[in-house]
Each structure stands twice: as C-alpha cells, then as structure tokens.
Amino acid sequence: MSRHAIAEAERRGIDPGLVRTVLQTPGQIVPAYGGKVAYQSRVAEADREYLIRVVVSESSPTPVVVTVYKTSRVAKYWRKQ
C-alpha cells in the first residue's frame, strides 16, 4: 500500500485487515479512473450497507494500492452481473 493509501485508510477509519480482505476476496473488480481498477466489497455496518473500494494501480510489475474509501452510494459503483 502506498503511504497515501495507508494515511487515507487511517483517516477514514477503515481497518487495514478489511482492506486485505477486500483485496484477497473482492465482491467485484471493476475499472476505475485513470486506467486503475477498484476492488470492492459490500459491508454492513450499523444497520446500513456500505461499499469498501480499494483502488489499485496495476500498471507496474507490482500492483500498488493507491487509495481506499467507504461509500454509502452502493448503487453508483456496484455493477450488476
């Protein structure tokens, strides 16, 4: 994970273990901005559903987590299959 991604996860209160879980077993992998990909999974928290999105740059030999965030706008990002 990049320093920025670590700082953003901490600032947003997202557990690093949850980030690892999303990366290892994502609900979906979808295209993101700038040629990156987003590993994302739905999570329930306080009787509400959220989406954890882990944005990864796969352009280098070693993929790098660019940022991570939680959103309640599940319908905007979740792709129906």
PDB file of N, CA and C in Angstrom:
ATOM      1  N   MET A   1       0.850  -1.183   0.000  1.00  0.00           N
ATOM      2  CA  MET A   1       0.000   0.000   0.000  1.00  0.00           C
ATOM      3  C   MET A   1       0.885   1.231   0.000  1.00  0.00           C
ATOM      4  N   SER A   2       0.458   2.229  -0.766  1.00  0.00           N
ATOM      5  CA  SER A   2       1.198   3.481  -0.777  1.00  0.00           C
ATOM      6  C   SER A   2       1.008   4.206   0.550  1.00  0.00           C
ATOM      7  N   ARG A   3       1.889   5.138   0.842  1.00  0.00           N
ATOM      8  CA  ARG A   3       1.757   5.927   2.072  1.00  0.00           C
ATOM      9  C   ARG A   3       0.428   6.674   2.092  1.00  0.00           C
ATOM     10  N   HIS A   4       0.053   7.165   0.948  1.00  0.00           N
ATOM     11  CA  HIS A   4      -1.218   7.882   0.840  1.00  0.00           C
ATOM     12  C   HIS A   4      -2.380   6.961   1.198  1.00  0.00           C
ATOM     13  N   ALA A   5      -2.382   5.744   0.678  1.00  0.00           N
ATOM     14  CA  ALA A   5      -3.464   4.798   0.954  1.00  0.00           C
ATOM     15  C   ALA A   5      -3.522   4.443   2.434  1.00  0.00           C
ATOM     16  N   ILE A   6      -2.378   4.267   3.057  1.00  0.00           N
ATOM     17  CA  ILE A   6      -2.331   3.967   4.486  1.00  0.00           C
ATOM     18  C   ILE A   6      -2.908   5.131   5.283  1.00  0.00           C
ATOM     19  N   ALA A   7      -2.506   6.348   4.935  1.00  0.00           N
ATOM     20  CA  ALA A   7      -2.997   7.539   5.634  1.00  0.00           C
ATOM     21  C   ALA A   7      -4.499   7.715   5.435  1.00  0.00           C
ATOM     22  N   GLU A   8      -4.976   7.475   4.220  1.00  0.00           N
ATOM     23  CA  GLU A   8      -6.404   7.637   3.933  1.00  0.00           C
ATOM     24  C   GLU A   8      -7.237   6.580   4.660  1.00  0.00           C
ATOM     25  N   ALA A   9      -6.768   5.353   4.710  1.00  0.00           N
ATOM     26  CA  ALA A   9      -7.486   4.301   5.431  1.00  0.00           C
ATOM     27  C   ALA A   9      -7.585   4.665   6.909  1.00  0.00           C
ATOM     28  N   GLU A  10      -6.490   5.140   7.477  1.00  0.00           N
ATOM     29  CA  GLU A  10      -6.487   5.541   8.883  1.00  0.00           C
ATOM     30  C   GLU A  10      -7.417   6.724   9.117  1.00  0.00           C
ATOM     31  N   ARG A  11      -7.322   7.726   8.276  1.00  0.00           N
ATOM     32  CA  ARG A  11      -8.155   8.924   8.404  1.00  0.00           C
ATOM     33  C   ARG A  11      -9.637   8.592   8.288  1.00  0.00           C
ATOM     34  N   ARG A  12      -9.953   7.645   7.424  1.00  0.00           N
ATOM     35  CA  ARG A  12     -11.353   7.274   7.185  1.00  0.00           C
ATOM     36  C   ARG A  12     -11.846   6.161   8.108  1.00  0.00           C
ATOM     37  N   GLY A  13     -10.987   5.703   9.007  1.00  0.00           N
ATOM     38  CA  GLY A  13     -11.384   4.687   9.969  1.00  0.00           C
ATOM     39  C   GLY A  13     -11.611   3.316   9.366  1.00  0.00           C
ATOM     40  N   ILE A  14     -10.871   2.989   8.319  1.00  0.00           N
ATOM     41  CA  ILE A  14     -11.003   1.689   7.657  1.00  0.00           C
ATOM     42  C   ILE A  14      -9.873   0.785   8.132  1.00  0.00           C
ATOM     43  N   ASP A  15     -10.239  -0.329   8.721  1.00  0.00           N
ATOM     44  CA  ASP A  15      -9.292  -1.282   9.280  1.00  0.00           C
ATOM     45  C   ASP A  15      -8.409  -1.874   8.175  1.00  0.00           C
ATOM     46  N   PRO A  16      -7.080  -1.889   8.368  1.00  0.00           N
ATOM     47  CA  PRO A  16      -6.193  -2.492   7.360  1.00  0.00           C
ATOM     48  C   PRO A  16      -6.538  -3.956   7.069  1.00  0.00           C
ATOM     49  N   GLY A  17      -7.049  -4.669   8.063  1.00  0.00           N
ATOM     50  CA  GLY A  17      -7.464  -6.060   7.843  1.00  0.00           C
ATOM     51  C   GLY A  17      -8.616  -6.148   6.858  1.00  0.00           C
ATOM     52  N   LEU A  18      -9.525  -5.182   6.903  1.00  0.00           N
ATOM     53  CA  LEU A  18     -10.640  -5.145   5.955  1.00  0.00           C
ATOM     54  C   LEU A  18     -10.121  -4.871   4.543  1.00  0.00           C
ATOM     55  N   VAL A  19      -9.130  -4.003   4.432  1.00  0.00           N
ATOM     56  CA  VAL A  19      -8.525  -3.728   3.115  1.00  0.00           C
ATOM     57  C   VAL A  19      -7.923  -5.008   2.555  1.00  0.00           C
ATOM     58  N   ARG A  20      -7.193  -5.756   3.378  1.00  0.00           N
ATOM     59  CA  ARG A  20      -6.596  -7.019   2.921  1.00  0.00           C
ATOM     60  C   ARG A  20      -7.669  -8.012   2.489  1.00  0.00           C
ATOM     61  N   THR A  21      -8.766  -8.073   3.256  1.00  0.00           N
ATOM     62  CA  THR A  21      -9.857  -8.991   2.910  1.00  0.00           C
ATOM     63  C   THR A  21     -10.461  -8.634   1.559  1.00  0.00           C
ATOM     64  N   VAL A  22     -10.686  -7.346   1.316  1.00  0.00           N
ATOM     65  CA  VAL A  22     -11.253  -6.907   0.034  1.00  0.00           C
ATOM     66  C   VAL A  22     -10.302  -7.249  -1.108  1.00  0.00           C
ATOM     67  N   LEU A  23      -9.009  -7.074  -0.890  1.00  0.00           N
ATOM     68  CA  LEU A  23      -8.035  -7.397  -1.936  1.00  0.00           C
ATOM     69  C   LEU A  23      -7.966  -8.900  -2.210  1.00  0.00           C
ATOM     70  N   GLN A  24      -8.079  -9.714  -1.162  1.00  0.00           N
ATOM     71  CA  GLN A  24      -7.972 -11.164  -1.327  1.00  0.00           C
ATOM     72  C   GLN A  24      -9.245 -11.791  -1.874  1.00  0.00           C
ATOM     73  N   THR A  25     -10.405 -11.288  -1.441  1.00  0.00           N
ATOM     74  CA  THR A  25     -11.681 -11.851  -1.881  1.00  0.00           C
ATOM     75  C   THR A  25     -12.675 -10.730  -2.183  1.00  0.00           C
ATOM     76  N   PRO A  26     -12.448  -9.996  -3.265  1.00  0.00           N
ATOM     77  CA  PRO A  26     -13.341  -8.885  -3.587  1.00  0.00           C
ATOM     78  C   PRO A  26     -14.706  -9.381  -4.065  1.00  0.00           C
ATOM     79  N   GLY A  27     -15.727  -8.575  -3.789  1.00  0.00           N
ATOM     80  CA  GLY A  27     -17.051  -8.865  -4.336  1.00  0.00           C
ATOM     81  C   GLY A  27     -17.047  -8.626  -5.843  1.00  0.00           C
ATOM     82  N   GLN A  28     -16.288  -7.622  -6.253  1.00  0.00           N
ATOM     83  CA  GLN A  28     -16.149  -7.289  -7.679  1.00  0.00           C
ATOM     84  C   GLN A  28     -14.807  -6.607  -7.910  1.00  0.00           C
ATOM     85  N   ILE A  29     -14.351  -6.686  -9.136  1.00  0.00           N
ATOM     86  CA  ILE A  29     -13.212  -5.898  -9.595  1.00  0.00           C
ATOM     87  C   ILE A  29     -13.711  -5.152 -10.822  1.00  0.00           C
ATOM     88  N   VAL A  30     -13.682  -3.820 -10.757  1.00  0.00           N
ATOM     89  CA  VAL A  30     -14.241  -3.003 -11.834  1.00  0.00           C
ATOM     90  C   VAL A  30     -13.223  -1.949 -12.279  1.00  0.00           C
ATOM     91  N   PRO A  31     -13.345  -1.468 -13.516  1.00  0.00           N
ATOM     92  CA  PRO A  31     -12.458  -0.392 -13.965  1.00  0.00           C
ATOM     93  C   PRO A  31     -12.684   0.863 -13.133  1.00  0.00           C
ATOM     94  N   ALA A  32     -11.602   1.586 -12.897  1.00  0.00           N
ATOM     95  CA  ALA A  32     -11.675   2.857 -12.166  1.00  0.00           C
ATOM     96  C   ALA A  32     -11.008   3.929 -13.017  1.00  0.00           C
ATOM     97  N   TYR A  33     -10.930   5.108 -12.482  1.00  0.00           N
ATOM     98  CA  TYR A  33     -10.375   6.245 -13.211  1.00  0.00           C
ATOM     99  C   TYR A  33      -8.894   6.046 -13.541  1.00  0.00           C
ATOM    100  N   GLY A  34      -8.440   6.665 -14.598  1.00  0.00           N
ATOM    101  CA  GLY A  34      -7.025   6.674 -14.950  1.00  0.00           C
ATOM    102  C   GLY A  34      -6.399   5.321 -15.217  1.00  0.00           C
ATOM    103  N   GLY A  35      -7.176   4.371 -15.706  1.00  0.00           N
ATOM    104  CA  GLY A  35      -6.631   3.061 -16.014  1.00  0.00           C
ATOM    105  C   GLY A  35      -6.403   2.179 -14.800  1.00  0.00           C
ATOM    106  N   LYS A  36      -6.881   2.594 -13.663  1.00  0.00           N
ATOM    107  CA  LYS A  36      -6.746   1.792 -12.445  1.00  0.00           C
ATOM    108  C   LYS A  36      -7.941   0.851 -12.320  1.00  0.00           C
ATOM    109  N   VAL A  37      -7.900  -0.043 -11.333  1.00  0.00           N
ATOM    110  CA  VAL A  37      -9.020  -0.931 -11.060  1.00  0.00           C
ATOM    111  C   VAL A  37      -9.429  -0.777  -9.602  1.00  0.00           C
ATOM    112  N   ALA A  38     -10.707  -1.012  -9.332  1.00  0.00           N
ATOM    113  CA  ALA A  38     -11.217  -0.932  -7.973  1.00  0.00           C
ATOM    114  C   ALA A  38     -11.667  -2.311  -7.534  1.00  0.00           C
ATOM    115  N   TYR A  39     -11.081  -2.779  -6.462  1.00  0.00           N
ATOM    116  CA  TYR A  39     -11.527  -3.999  -5.804  1.00  0.00           C
ATOM    117  C   TYR A  39     -12.569  -3.522  -4.795  1.00  0.00           C
ATOM    118  N   GLN A  40     -13.756  -4.083  -4.837  1.00  0.00           N
ATOM    119  CA  GLN A  40     -14.796  -3.580  -3.958  1.00  0.00           C
ATOM    120  C   GLN A  40     -15.635  -4.703  -3.378  1.00  0.00           C
ATOM    121  N   SER A  41     -16.128  -4.448  -2.176  1.00  0.00           N
ATOM    122  CA  SER A  41     -16.989  -5.402  -1.480  1.00  0.00           C
ATOM    123  C   SER A  41     -18.018  -4.644  -0.661  1.00  0.00           C
ATOM    124  N   ARG A  42     -19.196  -5.245  -0.554  1.00  0.00           N
ATOM    125  CA  ARG A  42     -20.252  -4.684   0.286  1.00  0.00           C
ATOM    126  C   ARG A  42     -20.008  -5.100   1.727  1.00  0.00           C
ATOM    127  N   VAL A  43     -20.246  -4.169   2.652  1.00  0.00           N
ATOM    128  CA  VAL A  43     -20.136  -4.467   4.076  1.00  0.00           C
ATOM    129  C   VAL A  43     -21.323  -3.839   4.796  1.00  0.00           C
ATOM    130  N   ALA A  44     -21.767  -4.503   5.853  1.00  0.00           N
ATOM    131  CA  ALA A  44     -22.859  -3.971   6.672  1.00  0.00           C
ATOM    132  C   ALA A  44     -22.248  -3.383   7.938  1.00  0.00           C
ATOM    133  N   GLU A  45     -22.729  -2.195   8.284  1.00  0.00           N
ATOM    134  CA  GLU A  45     -22.217  -1.515   9.464  1.00  0.00           C
ATOM    135  C   GLU A  45     -23.324  -0.647  10.037  1.00  0.00           C
ATOM    136  N   ALA A  46     -23.657  -0.863  11.290  1.00  0.00           N
ATOM    137  CA  ALA A  46     -24.698  -0.072  11.964  1.00  0.00           C
ATOM    138  C   ALA A  46     -26.007  -0.080  11.166  1.00  0.00           C
ATOM    139  N   ASP A  47     -26.448  -1.281  10.771  1.00  0.00           N
ATOM    140  CA  ASP A  47     -27.705  -1.460  10.029  1.00  0.00           C
ATOM    141  C   ASP A  47     -27.748  -0.704   8.707  1.00  0.00           C
ATOM    142  N   ARG A  48     -26.596  -0.482   8.126  1.00  0.00           N
ATOM    143  CA  ARG A  48     -26.513   0.202   6.840  1.00  0.00           C
ATOM    144  C   ARG A  48     -25.498  -0.517   5.960  1.00  0.00           C
ATOM    145  N   GLU A  49     -25.721  -0.489   4.660  1.00  0.00           N
ATOM    146  CA  GLU A  49     -24.794  -1.137   3.739  1.00  0.00           C
ATOM    147  C   GLU A  49     -23.848  -0.101   3.143  1.00  0.00           C
ATOM    148  N   TYR A  50     -22.566  -0.464   3.126  1.00  0.00           N
ATOM    149  CA  TYR A  50     -21.540   0.387   2.541  1.00  0.00           C
ATOM    150  C   TYR A  50     -20.748  -0.416   1.517  1.00  0.00           C
ATOM    151  N   LEU A  51     -20.003   0.301   0.724  1.00  0.00           N
ATOM    152  CA  LEU A  51     -19.100  -0.304  -0.235  1.00  0.00           C
ATOM    153  C   LEU A  51     -17.683   0.133   0.138  1.00  0.00           C
ATOM    154  N   ILE A  52     -16.807  -0.826   0.318  1.00  0.00           N
ATOM    155  CA  ILE A  52     -15.397  -0.526   0.523  1.00  0.00           C
ATOM    156  C   ILE A  52     -14.734  -0.657  -0.837  1.00  0.00           C
ATOM    157  N   ARG A  53     -14.100   0.418  -1.275  1.00  0.00           N
ATOM    158  CA  ARG A  53     -13.416   0.419  -2.575  1.00  0.00           C
ATOM    159  C   ARG A  53     -11.918   0.601  -2.354  1.00  0.00           C
ATOM    160  N   VAL A  54     -11.141  -0.326  -2.901  1.00  0.00           N
ATOM    161  CA  VAL A  54      -9.690  -0.281  -2.816  1.00  0.00           C
ATOM    162  C   VAL A  54      -9.190  -0.079  -4.246  1.00  0.00           C
ATOM    163  N   VAL A  55      -8.666   1.106  -4.515  1.00  0.00           N
ATOM    164  CA  VAL A  55      -8.231   1.454  -5.871  1.00  0.00           C
ATOM    165  C   VAL A  55      -6.769   1.056  -6.032  1.00  0.00           C
ATOM    166  N   VAL A  56      -6.502   0.273  -7.088  1.00  0.00           N
ATOM    167  CA  VAL A  56      -5.185  -0.320  -7.311  1.00  0.00           C
ATOM    168  C   VAL A  56      -4.658   0.060  -8.686  1.00  0.00           C
ATOM    169  N   SER A  57      -3.391   0.458  -8.724  1.00  0.00           N
ATOM    170  CA  SER A  57      -2.697   0.687  -9.986  1.00  0.00           C
ATOM    171  C   SER A  57      -1.966  -0.601 -10.333  1.00  0.00           C
ATOM    172  N   GLU A  58      -2.360  -1.203 -11.431  1.00  0.00           N
ATOM    173  CA  GLU A  58      -1.741  -2.459 -11.865  1.00  0.00           C
ATOM    174  C   GLU A  58      -0.782  -2.253 -13.029  1.00  0.00           C
ATOM    175  N   SER A  59      -0.393  -1.002 -13.288  1.00  0.00           N
ATOM    176  CA  SER A  59       0.449  -0.709 -14.443  1.00  0.00           C
ATOM    177  C   SER A  59       1.920  -1.057 -14.221  1.00  0.00           C
ATOM    178  N   SER A  60       2.346  -1.172 -12.973  1.00  0.00           N
ATOM    179  CA  SER A  60       3.731  -1.542 -12.706  1.00  0.00           C
ATOM    180  C   SER A  60       3.812  -3.049 -12.442  1.00  0.00           C
ATOM    181  N   PRO A  61       5.020  -3.603 -12.424  1.00  0.00           N
ATOM    182  CA  PRO A  61       5.150  -5.045 -12.170  1.00  0.00           C
ATOM    183  C   PRO A  61       4.529  -5.478 -10.834  1.00  0.00           C
ATOM    184  N   THR A  62       4.583  -4.604  -9.847  1.00  0.00           N
ATOM    185  CA  THR A  62       3.975  -4.889  -8.548  1.00  0.00           C
ATOM    186  C   THR A  62       2.784  -3.965  -8.362  1.00  0.00           C
ATOM    187  N   PRO A  63       1.559  -4.493  -8.303  1.00  0.00           N
ATOM    188  CA  PRO A  63       0.386  -3.642  -8.103  1.00  0.00           C
ATOM    189  C   PRO A  63       0.494  -2.847  -6.802  1.00  0.00           C
ATOM    190  N   VAL A  64      -0.008  -1.595  -6.838  1.00  0.00           N
ATOM    191  CA  VAL A  64       0.076  -0.702  -5.688  1.00  0.00           C
ATOM    192  C   VAL A  64      -1.316  -0.193  -5.346  1.00  0.00           C
ATOM    193  N   VAL A  65      -1.690  -0.281  -4.064  1.00  0.00           N
ATOM    194  CA  VAL A  65      -2.949   0.309  -3.605  1.00  0.00           C
ATOM    195  C   VAL A  65      -2.758   1.817  -3.575  1.00  0.00           C
ATOM    196  N   VAL A  66      -3.570   2.525  -4.343  1.00  0.00           N
ATOM    197  CA  VAL A  66      -3.464   3.975  -4.462  1.00  0.00           C
ATOM    198  C   VAL A  66      -4.260   4.668  -3.365  1.00  0.00           C
ATOM    199  N   THR A  67      -5.494   4.220  -3.144  1.00  0.00           N
ATOM    200  CA  THR A  67      -6.336   4.790  -2.099  1.00  0.00           C
ATOM    201  C   THR A  67      -7.416   3.791  -1.718  1.00  0.00           C
ATOM    202  N   VAL A  68      -8.088   4.088  -0.625  1.00  0.00           N
ATOM    203  CA  VAL A  68      -9.176   3.240  -0.151  1.00  0.00           C
ATOM    204  C   VAL A  68     -10.223   4.148   0.475  1.00  0.00           C
ATOM    205  N   TYR A  69     -11.500   3.824   0.237  1.00  0.00           N
ATOM    206  CA  TYR A  69     -12.556   4.614   0.861  1.00  0.00           C
ATOM    207  C   TYR A  69     -13.821   3.801   1.007  1.00  0.00           C
ATOM    208  N   LYS A  70     -14.711   4.320   1.842  1.00  0.00           N
ATOM    209  CA  LYS A  70     -16.002   3.689   2.121  1.00  0.00           C
ATOM    210  C   LYS A  70     -17.071   4.650   1.614  1.00  0.00           C
ATOM    211  N   THR A  71     -18.081   4.105   0.922  1.00  0.00           N
ATOM    212  CA  THR A  71     -19.165   4.935   0.417  1.00  0.00           C
ATOM    213  C   THR A  71     -20.507   4.266   0.674  1.00  0.00           C
ATOM    214  N   SER A  72     -21.508   5.092   0.898  1.00  0.00           N
ATOM    215  CA  SER A  72     -22.869   4.567   1.058  1.00  0.00           C
ATOM    216  C   SER A  72     -23.587   4.527  -0.290  1.00  0.00           C
ATOM    217  N   ARG A  73     -22.947   5.030  -1.328  1.00  0.00           N
ATOM    218  CA  ARG A  73     -23.551   5.067  -2.666  1.00  0.00           C
ATOM    219  C   ARG A  73     -23.263   3.761  -3.415  1.00  0.00           C
ATOM    220  N   VAL A  74     -23.772   2.682  -2.852  1.00  0.00           N
ATOM    221  CA  VAL A  74     -23.529   1.346  -3.403  1.00  0.00           C
ATOM    222  C   VAL A  74     -24.038   1.246  -4.837  1.00  0.00           C
ATOM    223  N   ALA A  75     -25.230   1.741  -5.097  1.00  0.00           N
ATOM    224  CA  ALA A  75     -25.838   1.627  -6.432  1.00  0.00           C
ATOM    225  C   ALA A  75     -25.012   2.331  -7.503  1.00  0.00           C
ATOM    226  N   LYS A  76     -24.285   3.365  -7.139  1.00  0.00           N
ATOM    227  CA  LYS A  76     -23.482   4.107  -8.119  1.00  0.00           C
ATOM    228  C   LYS A  76     -22.306   3.272  -8.631  1.00  0.00           C
ATOM    229  N   TYR A  77     -21.702   2.482  -7.750  1.00  0.00           N
ATOM    230  CA  TYR A  77     -20.473   1.777  -8.109  1.00  0.00           C
ATOM    231  C   TYR A  77     -20.634   0.284  -8.337  1.00  0.00           C
ATOM    232  N   TRP A  78     -21.646  -0.333  -7.741  1.00  0.00           N
ATOM    233  CA  TRP A  78     -21.807  -1.786  -7.855  1.00  0.00           C
ATOM    234  C   TRP A  78     -22.337  -2.129  -9.243  1.00  0.00           C
ATOM    235  N   ARG A  79     -21.672  -3.026  -9.931  1.00  0.00           N
ATOM    236  CA  ARG A  79     -22.075  -3.437 -11.279  1.00  0.00           C
ATOM    237  C   ARG A  79     -22.943  -4.663 -11.193  1.00  0.00           C
ATOM    238  N   LYS A  80     -24.117  -4.581 -11.802  1.00  0.00           N
ATOM    239  CA  LYS A  80     -24.999  -5.752 -11.846  1.00  0.00           C
ATOM    240  C   LYS A  80     -24.403  -6.773 -12.815  1.00  0.00           C
ATOM    241  N   GLN A  81     -24.488  -8.026 -12.447  1.00  0.00           N
ATOM    242  CA  GLN A  81     -23.870  -9.036 -13.302  1.00  0.00           C
ATOM    243  C   GLN A  81     -24.891  -9.931 -13.931  1.00  0.00           C
TER     244      GLN A  81
END
